[in-house]
């Protein structure tokens, strides 16, 4: 029985899952309960460098590690309660983010297509995160946007630009083979 993934692929998937765990701990708590983290940077980079399937698998492993209770999420938290809590919508969209961005790299090496995919993936993350925040906190849309989106816009722009630039640089240097 032949595997669809090489040993190199499996190692890269594990490496990106581990990198996501590590950067998740770079977190700044905010009053609304949604911390500023580097998770989305790692998620975008996984898609940009590993492609749709491998990037999605790497981030899915990260989510599953947290789901079984390992303290991999921001603030060394974990468990199904985090995933199905106020900030869980952000976490649940991470694999989809990596998939969307990875697909754009596979289909088009065009920088503008990749940038659009990063924007769409980020919007999906904001929508999923805000929707779940509303459900679990009972806040209305305006209050939820104030707690879940508006304070994050400047940092999100920086993380998105950094991920696209770093991903492009590493792909050009041959450090990513899709």
Protein backbone atom coordinates (compact mmCIF):
# COMPACT_ATOMS: atom_id res chain seq x y z
CA UNK A 1 0.00 0.00 0.00
CA UNK A 2 1.59 3.24 -1.16
CA UNK A 3 1.09 6.49 0.75
CA UNK A 4 0.07 9.67 -1.06
CA UNK A 5 2.57 11.59 1.05
CA UNK A 6 6.33 11.17 1.09
CA UNK A 7 8.37 11.10 4.29
CA UNK A 8 9.33 14.71 3.47
CA UNK A 9 5.64 15.67 3.21
CA UNK A 10 4.81 14.03 6.53
CA UNK A 11 7.72 15.81 8.21
CA UNK A 12 6.68 19.18 6.77
CA UNK A 13 3.08 18.65 7.87
CA UNK A 14 4.28 17.85 11.39
CA UNK A 15 6.69 20.78 11.36
CA UNK A 16 3.95 23.25 10.41
CA UNK A 17 1.60 21.80 13.03
CA UNK A 18 4.36 22.25 15.63
CA UNK A 19 5.17 25.75 14.37
CA UNK A 20 1.51 26.70 14.74
CA UNK A 21 1.55 25.42 18.33
CA UNK A 22 4.65 27.50 19.07
CA UNK A 23 3.43 30.77 17.57
CA UNK A 24 0.01 30.36 19.17
CA UNK A 25 1.68 31.12 22.48
CA UNK A 26 2.72 34.55 21.19
CA UNK A 27 -0.52 36.08 22.45
CA UNK A 28 -1.65 39.43 23.75
CA UNK A 29 -4.90 39.17 25.70
CA UNK A 30 -7.54 41.81 24.97
CA UNK A 31 -10.54 42.82 27.10
CA UNK A 32 -13.11 41.13 24.83
CA UNK A 33 -11.57 37.70 25.36
CA UNK A 34 -10.15 37.29 21.84
CA UNK A 35 -6.34 37.51 22.04
CA UNK A 36 -3.99 38.84 19.38
CA UNK A 37 -1.92 35.83 18.27
CA UNK A 38 0.37 34.71 15.49
CA UNK A 39 -1.83 31.71 14.67
CA UNK A 40 -3.20 33.18 11.45
CA UNK A 41 0.33 33.92 10.24
CA UNK A 42 1.26 30.24 10.69
CA UNK A 43 -1.98 29.09 9.06
CA UNK A 44 -1.43 31.30 6.01
CA UNK A 45 2.20 30.24 5.74
CA UNK A 46 1.21 26.56 5.89
CA UNK A 47 -1.10 27.04 2.92
CA UNK A 48 1.39 29.18 1.03
CA UNK A 49 4.26 26.73 1.42
CA UNK A 50 2.62 23.31 1.66
CA UNK A 51 -0.32 23.77 -0.69
CA UNK A 52 -3.98 23.05 -0.12
CA UNK A 53 -4.03 19.47 1.14
CA UNK A 54 -0.79 19.35 3.12
CA UNK A 55 -1.38 22.83 4.55
CA UNK A 56 -4.91 21.89 5.56
CA UNK A 57 -3.69 18.64 7.15
CA UNK A 58 -0.99 20.46 9.12
CA UNK A 59 -3.51 22.88 10.58
CA UNK A 60 -6.12 20.17 11.08
CA UNK A 61 -3.57 18.26 13.18
CA UNK A 62 -3.06 21.42 15.24
CA UNK A 63 -6.82 21.77 15.78
CA UNK A 64 -7.21 18.07 16.66
CA UNK A 65 -4.33 18.23 19.15
CA UNK A 66 -6.15 21.07 20.87
CA UNK A 67 -9.49 19.27 20.65
CA UNK A 68 -8.15 16.27 22.59
CA UNK A 69 -7.03 18.59 25.36
CA UNK A 70 -3.40 19.33 24.64
CA UNK A 71 -2.57 22.95 25.56
CA UNK A 72 -1.76 24.09 22.02
CA UNK A 73 -4.09 27.06 21.67
CA UNK A 74 -3.33 30.62 22.79
CA UNK A 75 -2.48 30.90 26.47
CA UNK A 76 -1.63 27.18 26.65
CA UNK A 77 -5.29 26.22 26.50
CA UNK A 78 -6.87 23.22 24.88
CA UNK A 79 -9.93 21.03 24.90
CA UNK A 80 -13.21 20.78 23.10
CA UNK A 81 -14.55 23.61 25.28
CA UNK A 82 -12.16 26.04 23.62
CA UNK A 83 -13.16 24.92 20.14
CA UNK A 84 -16.85 25.14 20.98
CA UNK A 85 -16.50 28.37 22.93
CA UNK A 86 -16.46 32.08 22.22
CA UNK A 87 -13.21 32.01 20.21
CA UNK A 88 -13.67 28.60 18.64
CA UNK A 89 -14.99 29.94 15.35
CA UNK A 90 -11.58 31.38 14.59
CA UNK A 91 -9.89 28.03 15.27
CA UNK A 92 -12.44 26.04 13.28
CA UNK A 93 -11.81 28.12 10.16
CA UNK A 94 -8.02 27.66 10.25
CA UNK A 95 -7.91 24.46 8.12
CA UNK A 96 -10.17 26.08 5.52
CA UNK A 97 -7.92 29.15 5.46
CA UNK A 98 -4.85 27.02 4.75
CA UNK A 99 -6.74 25.09 2.06
CA UNK A 100 -7.96 28.22 0.24
CA UNK A 101 -4.55 29.88 0.25
CA UNK A 102 -2.82 26.64 -0.74
CA UNK A 103 -5.21 26.15 -3.65
CA UNK A 104 -4.41 29.64 -4.95
CA UNK A 105 -0.69 28.84 -4.95
CA UNK A 106 -1.28 25.54 -6.75
CA UNK A 107 -3.56 27.01 -9.40
CA UNK A 108 -1.89 30.39 -9.97
CA UNK A 109 1.57 31.52 -9.05
CA UNK A 110 0.30 35.06 -9.70
CA UNK A 111 0.91 37.24 -6.64
CA UNK A 112 -2.44 39.07 -6.99
CA UNK A 113 -4.38 35.81 -7.03
CA UNK A 114 -2.54 34.70 -3.91
CA UNK A 115 -3.21 38.06 -2.21
CA UNK A 116 -6.92 37.76 -3.02
CA UNK A 117 -6.97 34.23 -1.59
CA UNK A 118 -5.30 35.47 1.60
CA UNK A 119 -7.92 38.24 1.89
CA UNK A 120 -10.80 35.80 1.29
CA UNK A 121 -9.37 33.29 3.79
CA UNK A 122 -8.95 36.04 6.37
CA UNK A 123 -12.50 37.27 5.85
CA UNK A 124 -13.78 33.71 6.33
CA UNK A 125 -11.80 33.56 9.58
CA UNK A 126 -13.31 36.83 10.78
CA UNK A 127 -16.83 35.76 9.80
CA UNK A 128 -16.56 32.34 11.45
CA UNK A 129 -14.93 33.75 14.56
CA UNK A 130 -17.38 36.62 14.93
CA UNK A 131 -20.41 34.39 14.35
CA UNK A 132 -19.37 31.92 17.03
CA UNK A 133 -18.46 34.78 19.39
CA UNK A 134 -21.98 36.16 18.94
CA UNK A 135 -23.56 32.78 19.66
CA UNK A 136 -21.56 32.10 22.82
CA UNK A 137 -21.51 35.61 24.29
CA UNK A 138 -24.94 36.85 23.23
CA UNK A 139 -23.43 40.04 21.81
CA UNK A 140 -25.01 41.71 18.81
CA UNK A 141 -23.15 42.12 15.50
CA UNK A 142 -21.83 45.62 16.19
CA UNK A 143 -20.43 44.72 19.62
CA UNK A 144 -18.97 41.50 18.24
CA UNK A 145 -17.23 43.38 15.43
CA UNK A 146 -15.79 45.77 18.03
CA UNK A 147 -14.41 42.83 20.05
CA UNK A 148 -13.47 40.42 17.22
CA UNK A 149 -12.55 42.39 14.11
CA UNK A 150 -11.83 46.10 14.42
CA UNK A 151 -8.89 45.91 16.87
CA UNK A 152 -7.31 43.15 14.79
CA UNK A 153 -7.32 44.86 11.38
CA UNK A 154 -3.87 46.54 11.58
CA UNK A 155 -2.13 43.40 12.89
CA UNK A 156 -3.96 41.21 10.41
CA UNK A 157 -2.76 43.36 7.52
CA UNK A 158 0.82 43.09 8.78
CA UNK A 159 0.56 39.30 9.24
CA UNK A 160 -0.99 38.81 5.81
CA UNK A 161 1.66 40.90 4.06
CA UNK A 162 4.44 39.17 5.99
CA UNK A 163 3.07 35.71 5.15
CA UNK A 164 2.73 36.52 1.43
CA UNK A 165 6.21 38.07 1.22
CA UNK A 166 7.88 35.29 3.22
CA UNK A 167 5.97 32.59 1.35
CA UNK A 168 6.97 34.12 -1.99
CA UNK A 169 10.61 34.41 -0.92
CA UNK A 170 10.78 30.83 0.34
CA UNK A 171 9.06 29.46 -2.78
CA UNK A 172 11.52 31.36 -5.01
CA UNK A 173 14.42 29.86 -3.07
CA UNK A 174 13.03 26.39 -3.63
CA UNK A 175 12.16 25.77 0.00
CA UNK A 176 8.60 24.87 -0.88
CA UNK A 177 7.66 22.30 -3.48
CA UNK A 178 3.97 21.93 -4.13
